[in-house]
């Protein structure tokens, strides 16, 4: 296997394990747990928030650690934690223990999303490949789609919630092995394989602040649909049992979209591409409310899946390219902003849904936040015209 594809394969599998399973298996399993355990909607929202608190801790760690060797060790620790916390969900019904497990699972998700991204981007830059993470982020879409299919199969066989979690833990273990073995130890030298020096080019402070605010808005919009989409669709009259299909469409749309967004960014630039992604994501968020049919739910899921992953991939690639010697530096700060929104939004939305009996208000708030993010992107776009901070992709 060509070394480049082996490295990218490690990244894809790490995302399936740490994000697809450890994080996203909870979404299609939430209705099952609501039906078979003492968990209710409000507590389900809080569990999602604990997951994002852990993710925030992982993002803070990724931003604080500059040693690539230590990042590599943390990446491998996160693979182990993802497997153990997934299995642990099956071994208790105690809410506090679930909270701790979701917290640690969130920390492990930072391993696939930030540490692996940083290690892979650093490797690509050093070996003079195109400095893009689209192929790496296929793992998120594949992980989401895989989880939804597996839950459908488990549910069709009347498998109880405990056994479903254990099944996911076994899958995570099998995929974590090549994700561990294929990730090469990092090169800490200051030059590429061709002898070119790696130089960090930090963005202007105003650009940085606006980008952090815009990414906070994206985090709010992302987490509502990502956490509750299965339950949102299942609550629509006549759509009972269709929630996992929406989650499947979300994942199937996300997998190829990351590569498509890389191509869009090459043609128009990163900020204009992000502006377009925000607008399409806004439509995807509110479409299940505006068009309460199966077609509306599936189209909304496709739009959301095809854009949220584009936002994540473009922002993290852009952040990593500002700091090629330590790509996770700005990646971590961006994700801290994204993560704060992901702590607040599920808890608030879960309480609103418990009080009103639906997710409509939570979805409208999420759409408003994404709209604000799009406005901030226009400001970034104008700032970039006067003082270009981004550059088109280079490499092969």
Protein backbone atom coordinates (compact mmCIF):
# COMPACT_ATOMS: atom_id res chain seq x y z
CA UNK A 1 0.00 0.00 0.00
CA UNK A 2 1.34 3.46 -0.90
CA UNK A 3 2.45 5.19 2.31
CA UNK A 4 0.20 8.19 1.71
CA UNK A 5 -2.93 6.03 1.52
CA UNK A 6 -1.86 4.07 4.57
CA UNK A 7 -1.55 7.29 6.57
CA UNK A 8 -4.90 8.58 5.30
CA UNK A 9 -6.42 5.16 6.03
CA UNK A 10 -5.26 5.44 9.64
CA UNK A 11 -6.99 8.80 9.86
CA UNK A 12 -10.23 7.52 8.33
CA UNK A 13 -10.36 4.55 10.70
CA UNK A 14 -9.48 6.71 13.71
CA UNK A 15 -12.45 8.96 12.92
CA UNK A 16 -14.79 5.98 12.60
CA UNK A 17 -13.60 4.71 16.00
CA UNK A 18 -13.35 7.91 18.03
CA UNK A 19 -16.05 10.03 16.40
CA UNK A 20 -18.27 7.63 14.45
CA UNK A 21 -18.61 5.05 17.22
CA UNK A 22 -17.53 6.68 20.50
CA UNK A 23 -19.45 9.87 19.69
CA UNK A 24 -22.13 9.21 17.06
CA UNK A 25 -23.36 5.75 18.04
CA UNK A 26 -25.19 7.60 20.82
CA UNK A 27 -27.40 9.44 18.31
CA UNK A 28 -29.17 6.44 16.70
CA UNK A 29 -29.11 4.62 20.05
CA UNK A 30 -30.80 7.52 21.88
CA UNK A 31 -34.39 6.50 20.93
CA UNK A 32 -33.57 2.90 21.91
CA UNK A 33 -32.25 4.05 25.29
CA UNK A 34 -35.24 6.36 25.80
CA UNK A 35 -37.52 3.36 25.28
CA UNK A 36 -35.58 0.73 27.24
CA UNK A 37 -33.88 2.64 30.09
CA UNK A 38 -34.88 5.32 32.64
CA UNK A 39 -33.28 7.96 30.40
CA UNK A 40 -35.56 10.84 29.30
CA UNK A 41 -35.14 13.58 26.68
CA UNK A 42 -33.77 16.21 29.06
CA UNK A 43 -31.22 13.81 30.55
CA UNK A 44 -30.34 12.66 27.04
CA UNK A 45 -29.49 16.26 26.18
CA UNK A 46 -27.30 16.55 29.26
CA UNK A 47 -25.44 13.35 28.35
CA UNK A 48 -24.68 14.92 24.97
CA UNK A 49 -23.41 18.02 26.76
CA UNK A 50 -21.12 15.93 28.97
CA UNK A 51 -19.75 14.37 25.80
CA UNK A 52 -18.91 17.80 24.47
CA UNK A 53 -17.37 18.92 27.76
CA UNK A 54 -15.00 15.98 27.35
CA UNK A 55 -14.42 16.95 23.73
CA UNK A 56 -13.65 20.48 24.88
CA UNK A 57 -11.07 19.08 27.28
CA UNK A 58 -9.54 17.10 24.44
CA UNK A 59 -9.47 20.21 22.24
CA UNK A 60 -7.79 22.20 25.02
CA UNK A 61 -5.20 19.45 25.39
CA UNK A 62 -4.57 19.36 21.63
CA UNK A 63 -4.09 23.14 21.61
CA UNK A 64 -1.81 23.14 24.66
CA UNK A 65 0.50 20.30 23.61
CA UNK A 66 3.08 21.37 21.02
CA UNK A 67 5.28 18.26 21.04
CA UNK A 68 4.31 16.09 18.06
CA UNK A 69 5.58 12.96 19.80
CA UNK A 70 3.29 13.60 22.76
CA UNK A 71 0.40 14.24 20.35
CA UNK A 72 1.11 10.85 18.81
CA UNK A 73 0.96 9.15 22.22
CA UNK A 74 -2.28 10.96 23.08
CA UNK A 75 -3.76 9.90 19.73
CA UNK A 76 -3.13 6.27 20.62
CA UNK A 77 -4.54 6.74 24.12
CA UNK A 78 -7.71 8.17 22.58
CA UNK A 79 -8.18 5.04 20.46
CA UNK A 80 -8.08 2.92 23.63
CA UNK A 81 -10.46 5.23 25.49
CA UNK A 82 -12.95 5.15 22.61
CA UNK A 83 -13.18 1.36 22.80
CA UNK A 84 -13.41 1.21 26.60
CA UNK A 85 -16.04 3.93 26.99
CA UNK A 86 -18.23 2.42 24.28
CA UNK A 87 -18.17 -0.94 26.08
CA UNK A 88 -18.73 0.78 29.42
CA UNK A 89 -22.07 2.26 28.31
CA UNK A 90 -23.49 -1.29 28.29
CA UNK A 91 -22.36 -2.11 31.82
CA UNK A 92 -24.47 0.35 33.81
CA UNK A 93 -27.77 2.23 33.93
CA UNK A 94 -26.49 4.77 36.45
CA UNK A 95 -26.82 8.28 35.04
CA UNK A 96 -23.67 9.58 36.76
CA UNK A 97 -21.58 6.74 35.34
CA UNK A 98 -23.06 7.32 31.90
CA UNK A 99 -22.10 10.99 32.27
CA UNK A 100 -18.49 10.09 33.10
CA UNK A 101 -18.31 7.67 30.18
CA UNK A 102 -19.71 10.24 27.74
CA UNK A 103 -17.22 12.77 29.12
CA UNK A 104 -14.26 10.47 28.46
CA UNK A 105 -15.67 9.44 25.07
CA UNK A 106 -15.78 13.13 24.17
CA UNK A 107 -12.11 13.47 25.09
CA UNK A 108 -11.31 10.49 22.87
CA UNK A 109 -13.18 12.10 19.95
CA UNK A 110 -10.62 14.91 20.01
CA UNK A 111 -8.01 12.24 19.23
CA UNK A 112 -9.53 11.39 15.88
CA UNK A 113 -10.69 14.85 14.96
CA UNK A 114 -7.76 17.00 16.12
CA UNK A 115 -4.71 14.93 16.99
CA UNK A 116 -5.02 12.64 13.97
CA UNK A 117 -5.80 15.64 11.74
CA UNK A 118 -2.70 17.45 13.00
CA UNK A 119 -0.45 14.41 12.59
CA UNK A 120 -1.75 13.69 9.09
CA UNK A 121 -1.59 17.31 7.89
CA UNK A 122 1.96 17.62 9.21
CA UNK A 123 2.91 14.40 7.37
CA UNK A 124 1.28 15.57 4.12
CA UNK A 125 3.04 18.95 4.24
CA UNK A 126 6.41 17.39 5.02
CA UNK A 127 6.07 14.93 2.14
CA UNK A 128 4.85 17.67 -0.24
CA UNK A 129 1.36 16.36 -0.83
CA UNK A 130 -1.65 18.65 -1.13
CA UNK A 131 -2.32 20.05 2.36
CA UNK A 132 -6.00 19.08 2.52
CA UNK A 133 -7.90 16.87 4.94
CA UNK A 134 -10.95 16.00 2.83
CA UNK A 135 -10.03 12.33 2.41
CA UNK A 136 -9.26 12.04 6.13
CA UNK A 137 -12.69 13.40 7.07
CA UNK A 138 -14.44 10.75 4.98
CA UNK A 139 -14.18 8.76 8.21
CA UNK A 140 -16.80 10.94 9.88
CA UNK A 141 -19.39 10.36 7.16
CA UNK A 142 -18.63 6.66 6.94
CA UNK A 143 -18.83 6.38 10.72
CA UNK A 144 -22.23 8.07 10.86
CA UNK A 145 -23.66 5.95 8.04
CA UNK A 146 -22.20 2.77 9.50
CA UNK A 147 -23.68 3.47 12.95
CA UNK A 148 -27.16 4.08 11.54
CA UNK A 149 -27.09 0.86 9.48
CA UNK A 150 -25.84 -1.18 12.44
CA UNK A 151 -28.53 0.16 14.78
CA UNK A 152 -31.18 -0.66 12.16
CA UNK A 153 -29.85 -4.22 11.93
CA UNK A 154 -29.58 -4.57 15.70
CA UNK A 155 -33.11 -3.23 16.22
CA UNK A 156 -34.54 -5.50 13.52
CA UNK A 157 -33.14 -8.47 15.44
CA UNK A 158 -34.72 -7.18 18.68
CA UNK A 159 -31.29 -6.74 20.27
CA UNK A 160 -31.50 -4.83 23.54
CA UNK A 161 -29.64 -1.59 24.10
CA UNK A 162 -26.80 -3.17 26.16
CA UNK A 163 -25.90 -5.64 23.44
CA UNK A 164 -25.98 -2.88 20.83
CA UNK A 165 -23.36 -0.90 22.77
CA UNK A 166 -21.21 -4.03 23.12
CA UNK A 167 -21.49 -4.67 19.38
CA UNK A 168 -20.22 -1.16 18.71
CA UNK A 169 -17.35 -1.70 21.16
CA UNK A 170 -16.27 -4.81 19.24
CA UNK A 171 -16.38 -2.88 15.95
CA UNK A 172 -14.30 -0.07 17.49
CA UNK A 173 -11.71 -2.56 18.73
CA UNK A 174 -11.32 -4.18 15.30
CA UNK A 175 -10.88 -0.83 13.54
CA UNK A 176 -8.62 0.67 16.20
CA UNK A 177 -5.90 -1.89 15.47
CA UNK A 178 -5.06 -0.68 11.92
CA UNK A 179 -5.70 2.93 13.00
CA UNK A 180 -2.91 2.41 15.53
CA UNK A 181 -0.52 0.46 13.30
CA UNK A 182 -0.80 2.59 10.15
CA UNK A 183 -0.18 5.97 11.81
CA UNK A 184 3.57 6.64 11.44
CA UNK A 185 5.57 8.23 14.27
CA UNK A 186 5.85 11.97 13.61
CA UNK A 187 8.91 13.65 12.13
CA UNK A 188 9.85 16.63 14.32
CA UNK A 189 12.42 18.19 11.98
CA UNK A 190 11.94 21.70 10.61
CA UNK A 191 12.10 20.82 6.92
CA UNK A 192 10.11 18.90 4.31
CA UNK A 193 11.50 15.79 2.62
CA UNK A 194 12.70 18.11 -0.19
CA UNK A 195 14.63 20.28 2.27
CA UNK A 196 12.21 23.23 2.35
CA UNK A 197 11.76 24.99 5.69
CA UNK A 198 8.39 24.83 7.43
CA UNK A 199 7.33 28.34 8.46
CA UNK A 200 4.30 29.28 10.56
CA UNK A 201 2.20 32.20 9.23
CA UNK A 202 -0.32 33.18 11.94
CA UNK A 203 -3.50 35.00 10.84
CA UNK A 204 -4.16 38.61 11.79
CA UNK A 205 -5.76 39.01 15.29
CA UNK A 206 -9.04 40.41 13.89
CA UNK A 207 -9.31 37.57 11.38
CA UNK A 208 -8.67 35.09 14.19
CA UNK A 209 -11.39 36.57 16.45
CA UNK A 210 -14.00 36.67 13.70
CA UNK A 211 -13.17 33.10 12.70
CA UNK A 212 -13.53 31.90 16.30
CA UNK A 213 -16.95 33.58 16.57
CA UNK A 214 -18.13 32.17 13.24
CA UNK A 215 -17.01 28.67 14.22
CA UNK A 216 -18.89 28.97 17.52
CA UNK A 217 -22.04 29.59 15.47
CA UNK A 218 -21.28 26.56 13.30
CA UNK A 219 -20.84 24.43 16.42
CA UNK A 220 -24.27 25.41 17.71
CA UNK A 221 -25.94 24.61 14.40
CA UNK A 222 -24.08 21.34 14.01
CA UNK A 223 -24.71 19.81 17.40
CA UNK A 224 -28.51 20.05 17.44
CA UNK A 225 -29.07 18.01 14.30
CA UNK A 226 -26.10 15.74 14.99
CA UNK A 227 -27.40 14.84 18.45
CA UNK A 228 -31.15 14.80 18.01
CA UNK A 229 -31.86 14.17 14.31
CA UNK A 230 -33.01 10.57 14.83
CA UNK A 231 -35.42 11.59 17.58
CA UNK A 232 -36.50 14.73 15.67
CA UNK A 233 -37.58 12.70 12.65
CA UNK A 234 -39.08 9.88 14.72
CA UNK A 235 -41.39 12.38 16.48
CA UNK A 236 -42.86 13.68 13.21
CA UNK A 237 -46.39 12.28 12.58
CA UNK A 238 -46.18 9.39 10.16
CA UNK A 239 -42.37 9.21 10.30
CA UNK A 240 -42.07 6.88 13.28
CA UNK A 241 -39.15 4.50 12.72
CA UNK A 242 -37.60 6.68 9.98
CA UNK A 243 -35.06 8.47 12.16
CA UNK A 244 -32.18 6.11 11.48
CA UNK A 245 -32.73 6.46 7.73
CA UNK A 246 -32.24 10.21 8.07
CA UNK A 247 -29.04 9.57 10.02
CA UNK A 248 -27.87 7.18 7.29
CA UNK A 249 -28.50 9.78 4.58
CA UNK A 250 -26.62 12.33 6.70
CA UNK A 251 -23.57 10.07 6.81
CA UNK A 252 -23.75 9.08 3.15
CA UNK A 253 -23.90 12.75 2.16
CA UNK A 254 -21.01 13.66 4.46
CA UNK A 255 -18.56 11.04 3.17
CA UNK A 256 -18.05 12.39 -0.40
CA UNK A 257 -18.87 16.00 0.52
CA UNK A 258 -15.57 16.58 2.30
CA UNK A 259 -13.65 16.01 -0.93
CA UNK A 260 -16.11 18.19 -2.87
CA UNK A 261 -15.60 21.07 -0.41
CA UNK A 262 -11.83 20.80 -0.85
CA UNK A 263 -12.37 21.29 -4.58
CA UNK A 264 -14.69 24.26 -4.01
CA UNK A 265 -12.08 25.87 -1.74
CA UNK A 266 -9.40 25.44 -4.40
CA UNK A 267 -11.54 27.35 -6.89
CA UNK A 268 -13.00 30.17 -4.77
CA UNK A 269 -10.96 30.20 -1.54
CA UNK A 270 -11.66 28.89 1.95
CA UNK A 271 -13.80 31.74 3.30
CA UNK A 272 -16.22 31.92 0.32
CA UNK A 273 -16.54 28.12 0.45
CA UNK A 274 -17.39 28.32 4.15
CA UNK A 275 -19.98 31.04 3.51
CA UNK A 276 -21.73 28.78 0.99
CA UNK A 277 -21.56 25.82 3.39
CA UNK A 278 -23.17 27.89 6.17
CA UNK A 279 -26.08 28.90 3.94
CA UNK A 280 -26.78 25.34 2.81
CA UNK A 281 -26.47 24.05 6.38
CA UNK A 282 -29.06 26.59 7.53
CA UNK A 283 -31.56 25.19 5.03
CA UNK A 284 -30.75 21.63 6.07
CA UNK A 285 -31.41 22.41 9.74
CA UNK A 286 -34.88 23.92 9.30
CA UNK A 287 -36.13 21.78 6.40
CA UNK A 288 -37.53 18.99 8.65
CA UNK A 289 -39.69 21.63 10.36
CA UNK A 290 -40.75 23.42 7.18
CA UNK A 291 -41.44 20.20 5.25
CA UNK A 292 -42.55 17.60 7.86
CA UNK A 293 -42.49 14.68 5.42
CA UNK A 294 -40.03 11.86 4.87
CA UNK A 295 -38.71 13.61 1.75
CA UNK A 296 -38.18 16.83 3.74
CA UNK A 297 -36.42 14.96 6.53
CA UNK A 298 -34.10 13.08 4.16
CA UNK A 299 -33.28 16.15 2.06
CA UNK A 300 -32.60 18.14 5.23
CA UNK A 301 -30.33 15.36 6.48
CA UNK A 302 -28.46 15.28 3.15
CA UNK A 303 -27.93 19.06 3.17
CA UNK A 304 -26.84 19.04 6.79
CA UNK A 305 -24.52 16.06 6.34
CA UNK A 306 -22.99 17.51 3.21
CA UNK A 307 -22.23 20.85 4.86
CA UNK A 308 -21.35 20.38 8.54
CA UNK A 309 -18.42 18.14 7.62
CA UNK A 310 -17.36 20.68 4.99
CA UNK A 311 -17.27 23.40 7.66
CA UNK A 312 -15.18 21.25 9.98
CA UNK A 313 -12.79 20.08 7.28
CA UNK A 314 -12.25 23.53 5.75
CA UNK A 315 -11.75 25.30 9.09
CA UNK A 316 -9.33 22.71 10.47
CA UNK A 317 -7.36 22.50 7.22
CA UNK A 318 -7.13 26.29 7.09
CA UNK A 319 -6.08 26.46 10.75
CA UNK A 320 -3.46 23.75 10.30
CA UNK A 321 -1.93 25.45 7.27
CA UNK A 322 -1.34 28.63 9.28
CA UNK A 323 0.89 26.56 11.60
CA UNK A 324 2.52 23.74 9.56
CA UNK A 325 5.07 22.98 12.32
CA UNK A 326 2.33 22.51 14.94
CA UNK A 327 -1.00 22.17 13.09
CA UNK A 328 -3.11 21.47 16.20
CA UNK A 329 -2.23 24.87 17.73
CA UNK A 330 -4.99 26.85 16.00
CA UNK A 331 -7.07 23.71 15.32
CA UNK A 332 -7.43 23.30 19.08
CA UNK A 333 -8.42 26.93 19.67
CA UNK A 334 -11.00 26.78 16.90
CA UNK A 335 -12.41 23.59 18.33
CA UNK A 336 -12.60 25.11 21.81
CA UNK A 337 -14.94 27.72 20.34
CA UNK A 338 -16.89 25.03 18.46
CA UNK A 339 -16.99 22.92 21.61
CA UNK A 340 -18.38 25.59 23.94
CA UNK A 341 -21.40 25.85 21.64
CA UNK A 342 -21.76 22.08 21.70
CA UNK A 343 -21.94 22.07 25.50
CA UNK A 344 -24.60 24.76 25.72
CA UNK A 345 -26.80 23.84 22.77
CA UNK A 346 -27.80 20.20 23.54
CA UNK A 347 -28.67 20.94 27.16
CA UNK A 348 -30.82 23.95 26.22
CA UNK A 349 -32.46 22.14 23.30
CA UNK A 350 -33.14 19.04 25.38
CA UNK A 351 -34.91 21.11 28.04
CA UNK A 352 -36.90 23.03 25.42
CA UNK A 353 -37.95 19.76 23.77
CA UNK A 354 -38.96 18.26 27.11
CA UNK A 355 -41.09 21.32 27.88
CA UNK A 356 -42.72 21.73 24.44
CA UNK A 357 -42.82 18.14 23.21
CA UNK A 358 -40.89 18.96 20.00
CA UNK A 359 -37.57 20.30 18.76
CA UNK A 360 -38.91 23.16 16.62
CA UNK A 361 -37.68 26.05 18.78
CA UNK A 362 -34.28 24.44 19.24
CA UNK A 363 -33.92 24.02 15.48
CA UNK A 364 -34.89 27.64 14.81
CA UNK A 365 -32.33 28.84 17.35
CA UNK A 366 -29.70 26.66 15.67
CA UNK A 367 -30.62 28.07 12.26
CA UNK A 368 -30.35 31.63 13.61
CA UNK A 369 -26.87 30.90 14.94
CA UNK A 370 -25.75 29.53 11.58
CA UNK A 371 -27.19 32.62 9.87
CA UNK A 372 -25.11 34.79 12.22
CA UNK A 373 -22.08 32.69 11.31
CA UNK A 374 -22.74 33.36 7.62
CA UNK A 375 -22.81 37.10 8.33
CA UNK A 376 -19.46 36.81 10.09
CA UNK A 377 -18.12 34.96 7.06
CA UNK A 378 -19.01 37.93 4.86
CA UNK A 379 -16.96 40.14 7.19
CA UNK A 380 -14.06 37.70 6.95
CA UNK A 381 -14.44 37.69 3.19
CA UNK A 382 -14.15 41.49 3.05
CA UNK A 383 -11.19 41.44 5.42
CA UNK A 384 -9.46 38.90 3.21
CA UNK A 385 -9.89 41.13 0.15
CA UNK A 386 -7.93 43.92 1.85
CA UNK A 387 -5.34 41.74 3.57
CA UNK A 388 -5.25 38.19 2.12
CA UNK A 389 -4.70 35.71 4.92
CA UNK A 390 -5.41 32.47 3.08
CA UNK A 391 -3.79 30.82 0.12
CA UNK A 392 -5.05 28.27 -2.33
CA UNK A 393 -3.92 24.68 -1.94
CA UNK A 394 -0.52 23.69 -3.23
CA UNK A 395 1.09 20.31 -3.67
CA UNK A 396 0.15 17.15 -5.50
